[in-house]
Amino acid sequence: MAFFVAKHMRSNIRELEGALRRIMAFASFHNKPVTMDLVREALRDMISVHHGQVSVESIQKTVADYYKIKVADMFSKRRQAQIVLPRQVAMYLAKELTEKSYVEIGELFGGRDHTTVLHAVNKISELRNQSSELNHALHVLDQTLKG
């Protein structure tokens, strides 16, 4: 059972802890012993979401490739326009395509504050409605990331 959980919960320790808590709560609520079938049933929702999920790292790489910048620029403190827009697009896609919080996304972008991520998401959402070019780029990136 431990190998099953470890195999399916790989993103971080919080996810693993959440899975274990869910299993214990599920067993307690249904008044059943922890068995392999119970583990599968308790984690069914988490596992199906996990399989279809894109990683923030793959988003950063795909966006960097698309805009022809270095992945390292996603983490840098540089604020040049040719870097800021791709970084904001990557933050937007990270929020849209993953279940990560603003805080977690900020950490994955060089330790940025959650308000920076919130600003990026809001800005790209707004720009997307005004710019068909950006809307097209987001569509292409979304399709690329989802395969």
N, C-alpha and C. Protein backbone atom coordinates (compact mmCIF):
# COMPACT_ATOMS: atom_id res chain seq x y z
N MET A 1 0.83 -1.19 0.00
CA MET A 1 0.00 0.00 0.00
C MET A 1 0.88 1.25 0.00
N ALA A 2 1.96 1.21 0.76
CA ALA A 2 2.86 2.36 0.82
C ALA A 2 3.48 2.64 -0.55
N PHE A 3 3.87 1.60 -1.28
CA PHE A 3 4.43 1.79 -2.61
C PHE A 3 3.39 2.36 -3.57
N PHE A 4 2.16 1.92 -3.45
CA PHE A 4 1.09 2.44 -4.29
C PHE A 4 0.92 3.94 -4.07
N VAL A 5 0.86 4.35 -2.81
CA VAL A 5 0.70 5.77 -2.48
C VAL A 5 1.91 6.56 -2.97
N ALA A 6 3.11 6.06 -2.72
CA ALA A 6 4.33 6.76 -3.14
C ALA A 6 4.41 6.89 -4.66
N LYS A 7 3.96 5.87 -5.36
CA LYS A 7 4.00 5.89 -6.83
C LYS A 7 3.07 6.95 -7.40
N HIS A 8 1.92 7.16 -6.77
CA HIS A 8 0.91 8.06 -7.32
C HIS A 8 0.96 9.48 -6.76
N MET A 9 1.61 9.69 -5.65
CA MET A 9 1.69 11.02 -5.03
C MET A 9 3.15 11.47 -5.05
N ARG A 10 3.57 12.10 -6.13
CA ARG A 10 4.98 12.43 -6.29
C ARG A 10 5.31 13.90 -6.25
N SER A 11 4.32 14.79 -6.27
CA SER A 11 4.65 16.19 -6.46
C SER A 11 5.32 16.83 -5.25
N ASN A 12 4.85 16.55 -4.04
CA ASN A 12 5.50 17.13 -2.86
C ASN A 12 5.03 16.41 -1.59
N ILE A 13 5.67 16.74 -0.50
CA ILE A 13 5.39 16.06 0.77
C ILE A 13 3.98 16.39 1.28
N ARG A 14 3.50 17.60 0.99
CA ARG A 14 2.14 17.96 1.43
C ARG A 14 1.10 17.07 0.77
N GLU A 15 1.31 16.77 -0.50
CA GLU A 15 0.38 15.90 -1.21
C GLU A 15 0.40 14.50 -0.61
N LEU A 16 1.57 14.01 -0.27
CA LEU A 16 1.71 12.70 0.35
C LEU A 16 1.03 12.67 1.72
N GLU A 17 1.28 13.71 2.52
CA GLU A 17 0.63 13.79 3.83
C GLU A 17 -0.89 13.85 3.68
N GLY A 18 -1.36 14.62 2.71
CA GLY A 18 -2.80 14.73 2.46
C GLY A 18 -3.40 13.39 2.08
N ALA A 19 -2.67 12.63 1.27
CA ALA A 19 -3.14 11.31 0.85
C ALA A 19 -3.25 10.38 2.07
N LEU A 20 -2.26 10.40 2.92
CA LEU A 20 -2.30 9.54 4.11
C LEU A 20 -3.44 9.93 5.04
N ARG A 21 -3.63 11.24 5.21
CA ARG A 21 -4.74 11.70 6.06
C ARG A 21 -6.09 11.28 5.46
N ARG A 22 -6.19 11.39 4.14
CA ARG A 22 -7.42 11.01 3.46
C ARG A 22 -7.71 9.53 3.66
N ILE A 23 -6.69 8.70 3.54
CA ILE A 23 -6.86 7.25 3.73
C ILE A 23 -7.35 6.96 5.15
N MET A 24 -6.71 7.57 6.12
CA MET A 24 -7.08 7.31 7.52
C MET A 24 -8.51 7.81 7.80
N ALA A 25 -8.85 8.98 7.29
CA ALA A 25 -10.20 9.52 7.50
C ALA A 25 -11.24 8.64 6.81
N PHE A 26 -10.93 8.19 5.60
CA PHE A 26 -11.84 7.35 4.84
C PHE A 26 -12.09 6.03 5.58
N ALA A 27 -11.01 5.44 6.08
CA ALA A 27 -11.13 4.18 6.83
C ALA A 27 -11.95 4.38 8.10
N SER A 28 -11.69 5.48 8.80
CA SER A 28 -12.40 5.77 10.04
C SER A 28 -13.89 6.04 9.77
N PHE A 29 -14.16 6.84 8.75
CA PHE A 29 -15.54 7.19 8.42
C PHE A 29 -16.37 5.96 8.03
N HIS A 30 -15.75 5.06 7.26
CA HIS A 30 -16.45 3.86 6.81
C HIS A 30 -16.30 2.68 7.77
N ASN A 31 -15.53 2.92 8.84
CA ASN A 31 -15.31 1.91 9.86
C ASN A 31 -14.78 0.60 9.25
N LYS A 32 -13.75 0.75 8.40
CA LYS A 32 -13.14 -0.40 7.72
C LYS A 32 -11.64 -0.39 7.97
N PRO A 33 -11.03 -1.57 7.91
CA PRO A 33 -9.56 -1.61 8.03
C PRO A 33 -8.93 -1.08 6.74
N VAL A 34 -7.70 -0.60 6.85
CA VAL A 34 -6.99 -0.08 5.69
C VAL A 34 -6.51 -1.26 4.84
N THR A 35 -7.09 -1.38 3.67
CA THR A 35 -6.71 -2.43 2.72
C THR A 35 -6.34 -1.75 1.40
N MET A 36 -5.81 -2.53 0.48
CA MET A 36 -5.44 -1.98 -0.82
C MET A 36 -6.66 -1.43 -1.54
N ASP A 37 -7.78 -2.13 -1.47
CA ASP A 37 -9.01 -1.65 -2.11
C ASP A 37 -9.48 -0.32 -1.49
N LEU A 38 -9.38 -0.22 -0.18
CA LEU A 38 -9.78 1.01 0.50
C LEU A 38 -8.87 2.16 0.09
N VAL A 39 -7.58 1.91 -0.01
CA VAL A 39 -6.61 2.95 -0.41
C VAL A 39 -6.96 3.44 -1.82
N ARG A 40 -7.20 2.52 -2.74
CA ARG A 40 -7.57 2.90 -4.11
C ARG A 40 -8.85 3.75 -4.13
N GLU A 41 -9.84 3.31 -3.35
CA GLU A 41 -11.11 4.03 -3.32
C GLU A 41 -10.94 5.42 -2.69
N ALA A 42 -10.19 5.50 -1.61
CA ALA A 42 -9.99 6.77 -0.92
C ALA A 42 -9.24 7.78 -1.78
N LEU A 43 -8.30 7.29 -2.59
CA LEU A 43 -7.46 8.19 -3.40
C LEU A 43 -7.90 8.31 -4.85
N ARG A 44 -9.02 7.71 -5.18
CA ARG A 44 -9.48 7.69 -6.57
C ARG A 44 -9.49 9.08 -7.20
N ASP A 45 -10.06 10.08 -6.54
CA ASP A 45 -10.12 11.44 -7.09
C ASP A 45 -8.74 12.06 -7.24
N MET A 46 -7.90 11.87 -6.24
CA MET A 46 -6.55 12.45 -6.28
C MET A 46 -5.72 11.83 -7.40
N ILE A 47 -5.86 10.56 -7.61
CA ILE A 47 -5.05 9.87 -8.63
C ILE A 47 -5.50 10.27 -10.02
N SER A 48 -6.80 10.38 -10.27
CA SER A 48 -7.26 10.75 -11.61
C SER A 48 -6.86 12.18 -11.95
N VAL A 49 -6.88 13.08 -10.98
CA VAL A 49 -6.44 14.46 -11.21
C VAL A 49 -4.94 14.49 -11.47
N HIS A 50 -4.20 13.70 -10.70
CA HIS A 50 -2.75 13.69 -10.79
C HIS A 50 -2.26 13.24 -12.16
N HIS A 51 -2.93 12.27 -12.75
CA HIS A 51 -2.49 11.75 -14.05
C HIS A 51 -2.65 12.77 -15.16
N GLY A 52 -3.67 13.61 -15.11
CA GLY A 52 -3.90 14.58 -16.17
C GLY A 52 -3.23 15.91 -15.93
N GLN A 53 -2.43 16.01 -14.89
CA GLN A 53 -1.89 17.30 -14.49
C GLN A 53 -0.54 17.58 -15.13
N VAL A 54 -0.33 18.83 -15.43
CA VAL A 54 0.91 19.32 -16.02
C VAL A 54 1.76 19.88 -14.88
N SER A 55 3.07 19.73 -14.96
CA SER A 55 3.94 20.26 -13.90
C SER A 55 4.31 21.71 -14.20
N VAL A 56 4.59 22.46 -13.14
CA VAL A 56 5.01 23.85 -13.30
C VAL A 56 6.34 23.91 -14.07
N GLU A 57 7.20 22.94 -13.82
CA GLU A 57 8.49 22.90 -14.52
C GLU A 57 8.29 22.74 -16.03
N SER A 58 7.34 21.88 -16.44
CA SER A 58 7.10 21.71 -17.88
C SER A 58 6.47 22.98 -18.47
N ILE A 59 5.66 23.67 -17.69
CA ILE A 59 5.08 24.94 -18.15
C ILE A 59 6.19 25.96 -18.37
N GLN A 60 7.11 26.06 -17.40
CA GLN A 60 8.21 27.02 -17.52
C GLN A 60 9.06 26.74 -18.75
N LYS A 61 9.38 25.48 -18.98
CA LYS A 61 10.21 25.11 -20.13
C LYS A 61 9.48 25.39 -21.45
N THR A 62 8.22 25.00 -21.53
CA THR A 62 7.45 25.20 -22.76
C THR A 62 7.29 26.68 -23.09
N VAL A 63 6.98 27.48 -22.07
CA VAL A 63 6.81 28.93 -22.29
C VAL A 63 8.14 29.56 -22.68
N ALA A 64 9.22 29.16 -22.00
CA ALA A 64 10.55 29.70 -22.34
C ALA A 64 10.91 29.36 -23.78
N ASP A 65 10.66 28.13 -24.20
CA ASP A 65 10.93 27.73 -25.58
C ASP A 65 10.09 28.54 -26.56
N TYR A 66 8.82 28.72 -26.25
CA TYR A 66 7.91 29.43 -27.13
C TYR A 66 8.36 30.89 -27.34
N TYR A 67 8.76 31.54 -26.24
CA TYR A 67 9.16 32.95 -26.31
C TYR A 67 10.67 33.14 -26.54
N LYS A 68 11.38 32.02 -26.71
CA LYS A 68 12.82 32.03 -26.99
C LYS A 68 13.62 32.79 -25.92
N ILE A 69 13.32 32.43 -24.67
CA ILE A 69 14.11 32.94 -23.54
C ILE A 69 14.64 31.74 -22.78
N LYS A 70 15.52 31.99 -21.82
CA LYS A 70 16.07 30.91 -21.01
C LYS A 70 15.10 30.59 -19.87
N VAL A 71 15.08 29.33 -19.48
CA VAL A 71 14.24 28.94 -18.34
C VAL A 71 14.69 29.70 -17.09
N ALA A 72 15.98 29.96 -16.98
CA ALA A 72 16.51 30.70 -15.84
C ALA A 72 15.89 32.10 -15.72
N ASP A 73 15.47 32.67 -16.84
CA ASP A 73 14.83 33.99 -16.81
C ASP A 73 13.51 33.96 -16.04
N MET A 74 12.88 32.79 -15.97
CA MET A 74 11.63 32.66 -15.22
C MET A 74 11.85 32.91 -13.73
N PHE A 75 13.07 32.63 -13.27
CA PHE A 75 13.38 32.77 -11.84
C PHE A 75 14.09 34.07 -11.51
N SER A 76 14.63 34.73 -12.53
CA SER A 76 15.46 35.92 -12.30
C SER A 76 14.62 37.10 -11.83
N LYS A 77 15.30 38.08 -11.32
CA LYS A 77 14.63 39.30 -10.84
C LYS A 77 14.54 40.34 -11.95
N ARG A 78 15.06 40.02 -13.14
CA ARG A 78 15.05 40.96 -14.26
C ARG A 78 13.61 41.30 -14.65
N ARG A 79 13.40 42.58 -15.02
CA ARG A 79 12.06 43.05 -15.31
C ARG A 79 11.94 43.64 -16.72
N GLN A 80 12.71 43.09 -17.64
CA GLN A 80 12.63 43.55 -19.02
C GLN A 80 11.36 42.98 -19.65
N ALA A 81 10.76 43.75 -20.56
CA ALA A 81 9.49 43.37 -21.16
C ALA A 81 9.54 42.01 -21.84
N GLN A 82 10.68 41.69 -22.50
CA GLN A 82 10.76 40.41 -23.21
C GLN A 82 10.85 39.22 -22.25
N ILE A 83 11.04 39.50 -20.97
CA ILE A 83 11.07 38.43 -19.96
C ILE A 83 9.80 38.46 -19.10
N VAL A 84 9.31 39.65 -18.79
CA VAL A 84 8.16 39.80 -17.90
C VAL A 84 6.91 39.12 -18.48
N LEU A 85 6.60 39.38 -19.74
CA LEU A 85 5.40 38.79 -20.33
C LEU A 85 5.45 37.26 -20.31
N PRO A 86 6.53 36.62 -20.79
CA PRO A 86 6.57 35.16 -20.72
C PRO A 86 6.46 34.62 -19.29
N ARG A 87 7.10 35.31 -18.35
CA ARG A 87 7.03 34.88 -16.95
C ARG A 87 5.59 34.96 -16.45
N GLN A 88 4.89 36.04 -16.79
CA GLN A 88 3.49 36.19 -16.37
C GLN A 88 2.60 35.15 -17.06
N VAL A 89 2.88 34.87 -18.31
CA VAL A 89 2.12 33.83 -19.03
C VAL A 89 2.33 32.48 -18.35
N ALA A 90 3.57 32.19 -17.98
CA ALA A 90 3.86 30.92 -17.32
C ALA A 90 3.15 30.83 -15.96
N MET A 91 3.14 31.93 -15.21
CA MET A 91 2.42 31.94 -13.93
C MET A 91 0.92 31.73 -14.15
N TYR A 92 0.38 32.39 -15.15
CA TYR A 92 -1.04 32.24 -15.49
C TYR A 92 -1.35 30.78 -15.81
N LEU A 93 -0.54 30.18 -16.68
CA LEU A 93 -0.77 28.78 -17.06
C LEU A 93 -0.58 27.85 -15.86
N ALA A 94 0.37 28.16 -14.99
CA ALA A 94 0.59 27.33 -13.80
C ALA A 94 -0.67 27.35 -12.92
N LYS A 95 -1.30 28.50 -12.80
CA LYS A 95 -2.51 28.58 -11.99
C LYS A 95 -3.68 27.88 -12.68
N GLU A 96 -3.77 28.00 -14.00
CA GLU A 96 -4.86 27.40 -14.75
C GLU A 96 -4.74 25.88 -14.87
N LEU A 97 -3.52 25.38 -15.04
CA LEU A 97 -3.33 23.96 -15.38
C LEU A 97 -2.88 23.08 -14.22
N THR A 98 -2.59 23.69 -13.08
CA THR A 98 -2.18 22.88 -11.93
C THR A 98 -3.10 23.22 -10.75
N GLU A 99 -2.96 22.49 -9.70
CA GLU A 99 -3.75 22.77 -8.50
C GLU A 99 -2.90 23.47 -7.45
N LYS A 100 -1.82 24.07 -7.88
CA LYS A 100 -0.92 24.77 -6.96
C LYS A 100 -1.54 26.09 -6.52
N SER A 101 -1.21 26.49 -5.30
CA SER A 101 -1.68 27.76 -4.77
C SER A 101 -0.80 28.89 -5.29
N TYR A 102 -1.24 30.13 -5.09
CA TYR A 102 -0.44 31.29 -5.49
C TYR A 102 0.92 31.26 -4.79
N VAL A 103 0.92 30.88 -3.52
CA VAL A 103 2.16 30.82 -2.74
C VAL A 103 3.12 29.78 -3.34
N GLU A 104 2.59 28.59 -3.64
CA GLU A 104 3.43 27.53 -4.22
C GLU A 104 3.99 27.94 -5.57
N ILE A 105 3.17 28.56 -6.40
CA ILE A 105 3.64 29.01 -7.71
C ILE A 105 4.72 30.07 -7.54
N GLY A 106 4.50 31.01 -6.64
CA GLY A 106 5.51 32.04 -6.37
C GLY A 106 6.84 31.44 -5.98
N GLU A 107 6.83 30.43 -5.14
CA GLU A 107 8.05 29.75 -4.73
C GLU A 107 8.76 29.12 -5.93
N LEU A 108 8.00 28.56 -6.84
CA LEU A 108 8.57 27.90 -8.01
C LEU A 108 9.06 28.89 -9.07
N PHE A 109 8.77 30.16 -8.88
CA PHE A 109 9.25 31.21 -9.77
C PHE A 109 10.24 32.11 -9.04
N GLY A 110 11.19 31.49 -8.39
CA GLY A 110 12.27 32.25 -7.75
C GLY A 110 11.92 32.88 -6.43
N GLY A 111 10.96 32.30 -5.73
CA GLY A 111 10.61 32.81 -4.40
C GLY A 111 9.81 34.10 -4.43
N ARG A 112 9.01 34.27 -5.45
CA ARG A 112 8.19 35.48 -5.55
C ARG A 112 7.01 35.41 -4.59
N ASP A 113 6.53 36.58 -4.22
CA ASP A 113 5.39 36.70 -3.32
C ASP A 113 4.11 36.25 -4.04
N HIS A 114 3.16 35.75 -3.28
CA HIS A 114 1.91 35.28 -3.88
C HIS A 114 1.16 36.41 -4.59
N THR A 115 1.33 37.66 -4.12
CA THR A 115 0.65 38.78 -4.77
C THR A 115 1.20 39.04 -6.17
N THR A 116 2.46 38.72 -6.39
CA THR A 116 3.06 38.84 -7.72
C THR A 116 2.38 37.86 -8.67
N VAL A 117 2.15 36.65 -8.20
CA VAL A 117 1.49 35.63 -9.01
C VAL A 117 0.05 36.06 -9.29
N LEU A 118 -0.64 36.54 -8.27
CA LEU A 118 -2.01 37.01 -8.43
C LEU A 118 -2.07 38.13 -9.47
N HIS A 119 -1.14 39.07 -9.40
CA HIS A 119 -1.08 40.17 -10.37
C HIS A 119 -0.88 39.62 -11.79
N ALA A 120 0.04 38.66 -11.93
CA ALA A 120 0.32 38.07 -13.25
C ALA A 120 -0.93 37.39 -13.82
N VAL A 121 -1.62 36.62 -12.99
CA VAL A 121 -2.82 35.91 -13.44
C VAL A 121 -3.89 36.91 -13.87
N ASN A 122 -4.10 37.94 -13.07
CA ASN A 122 -5.11 38.95 -13.40
C ASN A 122 -4.74 39.71 -14.67
N LYS A 123 -3.46 40.06 -14.80
CA LYS A 123 -3.00 40.83 -15.96
C LYS A 123 -3.16 40.02 -17.25
N ILE A 124 -2.74 38.76 -17.23
CA ILE A 124 -2.85 37.93 -18.44
C ILE A 124 -4.31 37.67 -18.77
N SER A 125 -5.15 37.47 -17.76
CA SER A 125 -6.59 37.29 -18.00
C SER A 125 -7.17 38.51 -18.71
N GLU A 126 -6.77 39.68 -18.26
CA GLU A 126 -7.24 40.93 -18.85
C GLU A 126 -6.70 41.12 -20.27
N LEU A 127 -5.39 40.90 -20.43
CA LEU A 127 -4.77 41.07 -21.75
C LEU A 127 -5.29 40.06 -22.77
N ARG A 128 -5.63 38.88 -22.28
CA ARG A 128 -6.12 37.82 -23.16
C ARG A 128 -7.38 38.26 -23.91
N ASN A 129 -8.22 39.03 -23.23
CA ASN A 129 -9.45 39.51 -23.83
C ASN A 129 -9.21 40.63 -24.84
N GLN A 130 -8.07 41.31 -24.74
CA GLN A 130 -7.77 42.44 -25.61
C GLN A 130 -6.86 42.08 -26.78
N SER A 131 -6.08 41.01 -26.64
CA SER A 131 -5.07 40.68 -27.64
C SER A 131 -5.31 39.30 -28.24
N SER A 132 -5.64 39.29 -29.53
CA SER A 132 -5.84 38.00 -30.19
C SER A 132 -4.51 37.25 -30.32
N GLU A 133 -3.42 38.00 -30.41
CA GLU A 133 -2.09 37.38 -30.49
C GLU A 133 -1.77 36.61 -29.19
N LEU A 134 -2.02 37.24 -28.05
CA LEU A 134 -1.78 36.58 -26.77
C LEU A 134 -2.74 35.41 -26.59
N ASN A 135 -3.97 35.59 -26.98
CA ASN A 135 -4.96 34.52 -26.88
C ASN A 135 -4.52 33.30 -27.70
N HIS A 136 -4.00 33.56 -28.90
CA HIS A 136 -3.49 32.48 -29.75
C HIS A 136 -2.30 31.79 -29.09
N ALA A 137 -1.38 32.58 -28.54
CA ALA A 137 -0.20 32.02 -27.87
C ALA A 137 -0.62 31.13 -26.71
N LEU A 138 -1.58 31.58 -25.92
CA LEU A 138 -2.06 30.78 -24.79
C LEU A 138 -2.70 29.49 -25.27
N HIS A 139 -3.43 29.56 -26.36
CA HIS A 139 -4.06 28.36 -26.92
C HIS A 139 -2.99 27.36 -27.38
N VAL A 140 -1.99 27.85 -28.09
CA VAL A 140 -0.90 26.99 -28.58
C VAL A 140 -0.16 26.36 -27.39
N LEU A 141 0.17 27.17 -26.39
CA LEU A 141 0.87 26.66 -25.21
C LEU A 141 0.03 25.62 -24.46
N ASP A 142 -1.25 25.90 -24.32
CA ASP A 142 -2.16 24.97 -23.64
C ASP A 142 -2.19 23.63 -24.37
N GLN A 143 -2.33 23.66 -25.69
CA GLN A 143 -2.36 22.43 -26.48
C GLN A 143 -1.03 21.69 -26.41
N THR A 144 0.07 22.42 -26.44
CA THR A 144 1.39 21.80 -26.35
C THR A 144 1.57 21.09 -25.02
N LEU A 145 1.16 21.75 -23.94
CA LEU A 145 1.33 21.19 -22.60
C LEU A 145 0.43 19.99 -22.36
N LYS A 146 -0.75 20.01 -22.90
CA LYS A 146 -1.68 18.90 -22.68
C LYS A 146 -1.44 17.74 -23.63
N GLY A 147 -0.56 17.96 -24.61
CA GLY A 147 -0.19 16.88 -25.51
C GLY A 147 -1.05 16.75 -26.66
